[in-house]
Amino acid sequence: MDGWEDLSYKERVARHRITNVPKFVPIVERKFGKDAVKEYLRHIEDDYENNVVLRVWKILRRLLVRK
């Protein structure tokens, strides 16, 4: 999504905070359209699913359930 590169680090972090998603969805839609909202949500989902801590937790949980 063009136009987001000029954001500060603090602004980029705020965009990824899950509690801010409802606030940013209308902004994304207004600036970039409905397809961009889907992309934004997929991007956040990917970030959370690929989080190292979450991946380790899922592995540990699977190992613990097997016992």
N, C-alpha and C. Protein backbone atom coordinates (compact mmCIF):
# COMPACT_ATOMS: atom_id res chain seq x y z
N MET A 1 0.84 -1.17 0.00
CA MET A 1 0.00 0.00 0.00
C MET A 1 0.89 1.23 0.00
N ASP A 2 0.89 1.93 -1.07
CA ASP A 2 1.69 3.14 -1.16
C ASP A 2 1.14 4.21 -0.23
N GLY A 3 2.03 5.04 0.27
CA GLY A 3 1.62 6.12 1.14
C GLY A 3 1.85 5.84 2.61
N TRP A 4 2.24 4.63 2.94
CA TRP A 4 2.46 4.29 4.35
C TRP A 4 3.94 4.28 4.70
N GLU A 5 4.81 4.44 3.70
CA GLU A 5 6.24 4.39 3.95
C GLU A 5 6.73 5.56 4.77
N ASP A 6 6.03 6.69 4.71
CA ASP A 6 6.48 7.89 5.40
C ASP A 6 6.05 7.96 6.86
N LEU A 7 5.48 6.88 7.38
CA LEU A 7 5.07 6.85 8.78
C LEU A 7 6.29 6.66 9.68
N SER A 8 6.22 7.23 10.88
CA SER A 8 7.29 7.03 11.84
C SER A 8 7.20 5.60 12.40
N TYR A 9 8.25 5.18 13.07
CA TYR A 9 8.27 3.85 13.68
C TYR A 9 7.10 3.70 14.65
N LYS A 10 6.87 4.72 15.46
CA LYS A 10 5.80 4.68 16.46
C LYS A 10 4.43 4.52 15.79
N GLU A 11 4.23 5.21 14.66
CA GLU A 11 2.96 5.10 13.93
C GLU A 11 2.79 3.71 13.32
N ARG A 12 3.88 3.13 12.81
CA ARG A 12 3.81 1.79 12.23
C ARG A 12 3.48 0.76 13.30
N VAL A 13 4.08 0.90 14.49
CA VAL A 13 3.79 -0.01 15.59
C VAL A 13 2.32 0.11 15.99
N ALA A 14 1.81 1.32 16.05
CA ALA A 14 0.41 1.54 16.43
C ALA A 14 -0.54 0.87 15.44
N ARG A 15 -0.18 0.84 14.15
CA ARG A 15 -1.02 0.21 13.14
C ARG A 15 -1.16 -1.29 13.37
N HIS A 16 -0.17 -1.89 14.06
CA HIS A 16 -0.17 -3.33 14.28
C HIS A 16 -0.77 -3.72 15.63
N ARG A 17 -1.02 -2.76 16.47
CA ARG A 17 -1.61 -3.06 17.78
C ARG A 17 -3.06 -3.52 17.56
N ILE A 18 -3.37 -4.70 18.02
CA ILE A 18 -4.67 -5.32 17.74
C ILE A 18 -5.83 -4.45 18.23
N THR A 19 -5.63 -3.72 19.30
CA THR A 19 -6.71 -2.87 19.83
C THR A 19 -6.98 -1.67 18.93
N ASN A 20 -6.06 -1.34 18.03
CA ASN A 20 -6.24 -0.20 17.13
C ASN A 20 -6.85 -0.58 15.79
N VAL A 21 -6.99 -1.85 15.51
CA VAL A 21 -7.50 -2.28 14.21
C VAL A 21 -8.85 -1.64 13.88
N PRO A 22 -9.83 -1.64 14.80
CA PRO A 22 -11.11 -1.01 14.46
C PRO A 22 -10.99 0.47 14.11
N LYS A 23 -10.01 1.14 14.70
CA LYS A 23 -9.81 2.55 14.43
C LYS A 23 -9.20 2.76 13.04
N PHE A 24 -8.31 1.85 12.61
CA PHE A 24 -7.58 2.04 11.36
C PHE A 24 -8.28 1.47 10.13
N VAL A 25 -9.18 0.52 10.32
CA VAL A 25 -9.87 -0.06 9.15
C VAL A 25 -10.59 1.02 8.33
N PRO A 26 -11.37 1.91 8.95
CA PRO A 26 -12.02 2.96 8.14
C PRO A 26 -11.03 3.88 7.43
N ILE A 27 -9.91 4.15 8.07
CA ILE A 27 -8.89 5.01 7.45
C ILE A 27 -8.31 4.31 6.23
N VAL A 28 -7.98 3.04 6.37
CA VAL A 28 -7.43 2.27 5.26
C VAL A 28 -8.43 2.22 4.12
N GLU A 29 -9.70 1.96 4.44
CA GLU A 29 -10.73 1.89 3.40
C GLU A 29 -10.90 3.22 2.68
N ARG A 30 -10.91 4.31 3.43
CA ARG A 30 -11.10 5.63 2.83
C ARG A 30 -9.91 6.00 1.92
N LYS A 31 -8.70 5.70 2.38
CA LYS A 31 -7.52 6.09 1.62
C LYS A 31 -7.21 5.15 0.45
N PHE A 32 -7.48 3.83 0.65
CA PHE A 32 -6.98 2.86 -0.31
C PHE A 32 -8.04 1.91 -0.88
N GLY A 33 -9.24 1.88 -0.29
CA GLY A 33 -10.30 1.03 -0.82
C GLY A 33 -10.49 -0.27 -0.04
N LYS A 34 -11.56 -1.00 -0.41
CA LYS A 34 -11.94 -2.21 0.31
C LYS A 34 -10.90 -3.33 0.18
N ASP A 35 -10.29 -3.46 -0.98
CA ASP A 35 -9.27 -4.50 -1.15
C ASP A 35 -8.08 -4.26 -0.21
N ALA A 36 -7.77 -3.01 0.03
CA ALA A 36 -6.68 -2.68 0.94
C ALA A 36 -7.00 -3.08 2.37
N VAL A 37 -8.28 -3.00 2.76
CA VAL A 37 -8.68 -3.44 4.10
C VAL A 37 -8.40 -4.92 4.26
N LYS A 38 -8.75 -5.70 3.25
CA LYS A 38 -8.47 -7.15 3.31
C LYS A 38 -6.97 -7.40 3.42
N GLU A 39 -6.19 -6.66 2.64
CA GLU A 39 -4.74 -6.81 2.68
C GLU A 39 -4.19 -6.42 4.06
N TYR A 40 -4.70 -5.33 4.60
CA TYR A 40 -4.28 -4.86 5.93
C TYR A 40 -4.56 -5.93 6.99
N LEU A 41 -5.76 -6.50 6.96
CA LEU A 41 -6.12 -7.52 7.95
C LEU A 41 -5.30 -8.79 7.77
N ARG A 42 -5.05 -9.19 6.51
CA ARG A 42 -4.20 -10.36 6.26
C ARG A 42 -2.78 -10.11 6.76
N HIS A 43 -2.30 -8.90 6.56
CA HIS A 43 -0.96 -8.54 7.01
C HIS A 43 -0.85 -8.66 8.53
N ILE A 44 -1.82 -8.15 9.24
CA ILE A 44 -1.81 -8.23 10.70
C ILE A 44 -1.93 -9.68 11.15
N GLU A 45 -2.80 -10.44 10.49
CA GLU A 45 -2.95 -11.86 10.81
C GLU A 45 -1.61 -12.59 10.62
N ASP A 46 -0.94 -12.33 9.51
CA ASP A 46 0.36 -12.96 9.25
C ASP A 46 1.37 -12.59 10.32
N ASP A 47 1.39 -11.32 10.71
CA ASP A 47 2.32 -10.88 11.75
C ASP A 47 2.09 -11.63 13.05
N TYR A 48 0.83 -11.79 13.43
CA TYR A 48 0.52 -12.47 14.69
C TYR A 48 0.79 -13.96 14.59
N GLU A 49 0.42 -14.58 13.47
CA GLU A 49 0.63 -16.02 13.31
C GLU A 49 2.10 -16.36 13.19
N ASN A 50 2.91 -15.46 12.68
CA ASN A 50 4.34 -15.72 12.49
C ASN A 50 5.19 -15.21 13.65
N ASN A 51 4.56 -14.73 14.68
CA ASN A 51 5.27 -14.26 15.85
C ASN A 51 6.04 -15.43 16.47
N VAL A 52 7.30 -15.24 16.76
CA VAL A 52 8.16 -16.32 17.27
C VAL A 52 7.60 -16.89 18.57
N VAL A 53 7.18 -16.05 19.48
CA VAL A 53 6.66 -16.52 20.77
C VAL A 53 5.43 -17.39 20.54
N LEU A 54 4.55 -16.95 19.66
CA LEU A 54 3.34 -17.72 19.38
C LEU A 54 3.68 -19.07 18.75
N ARG A 55 4.63 -19.08 17.82
CA ARG A 55 5.02 -20.34 17.19
C ARG A 55 5.62 -21.30 18.21
N VAL A 56 6.46 -20.81 19.11
CA VAL A 56 7.04 -21.66 20.15
C VAL A 56 5.95 -22.19 21.06
N TRP A 57 5.01 -21.33 21.44
CA TRP A 57 3.90 -21.75 22.30
C TRP A 57 3.09 -22.87 21.63
N LYS A 58 2.80 -22.74 20.35
CA LYS A 58 2.04 -23.77 19.63
C LYS A 58 2.79 -25.10 19.62
N ILE A 59 4.09 -25.05 19.42
CA ILE A 59 4.90 -26.27 19.42
C ILE A 59 4.89 -26.91 20.80
N LEU A 60 5.11 -26.10 21.83
CA LEU A 60 5.11 -26.62 23.20
C LEU A 60 3.75 -27.21 23.57
N ARG A 61 2.70 -26.54 23.16
CA ARG A 61 1.34 -27.04 23.45
C ARG A 61 1.11 -28.38 22.79
N ARG A 62 1.54 -28.54 21.54
CA ARG A 62 1.38 -29.82 20.85
C ARG A 62 2.17 -30.91 21.56
N LEU A 63 3.38 -30.58 21.99
CA LEU A 63 4.20 -31.57 22.70
C LEU A 63 3.58 -31.97 24.03
N LEU A 64 3.01 -31.00 24.73
CA LEU A 64 2.39 -31.30 26.02
C LEU A 64 1.12 -32.11 25.89
N VAL A 65 0.38 -31.88 24.83
CA VAL A 65 -0.88 -32.60 24.61
C VAL A 65 -0.61 -34.07 24.30
N ARG A 66 0.50 -34.35 23.66
CA ARG A 66 0.84 -35.73 23.29
C ARG A 66 1.11 -36.60 24.50
N LYS A 67 1.54 -36.03 25.58
CA LYS A 67 1.91 -36.83 26.77
C LYS A 67 0.72 -37.31 27.52
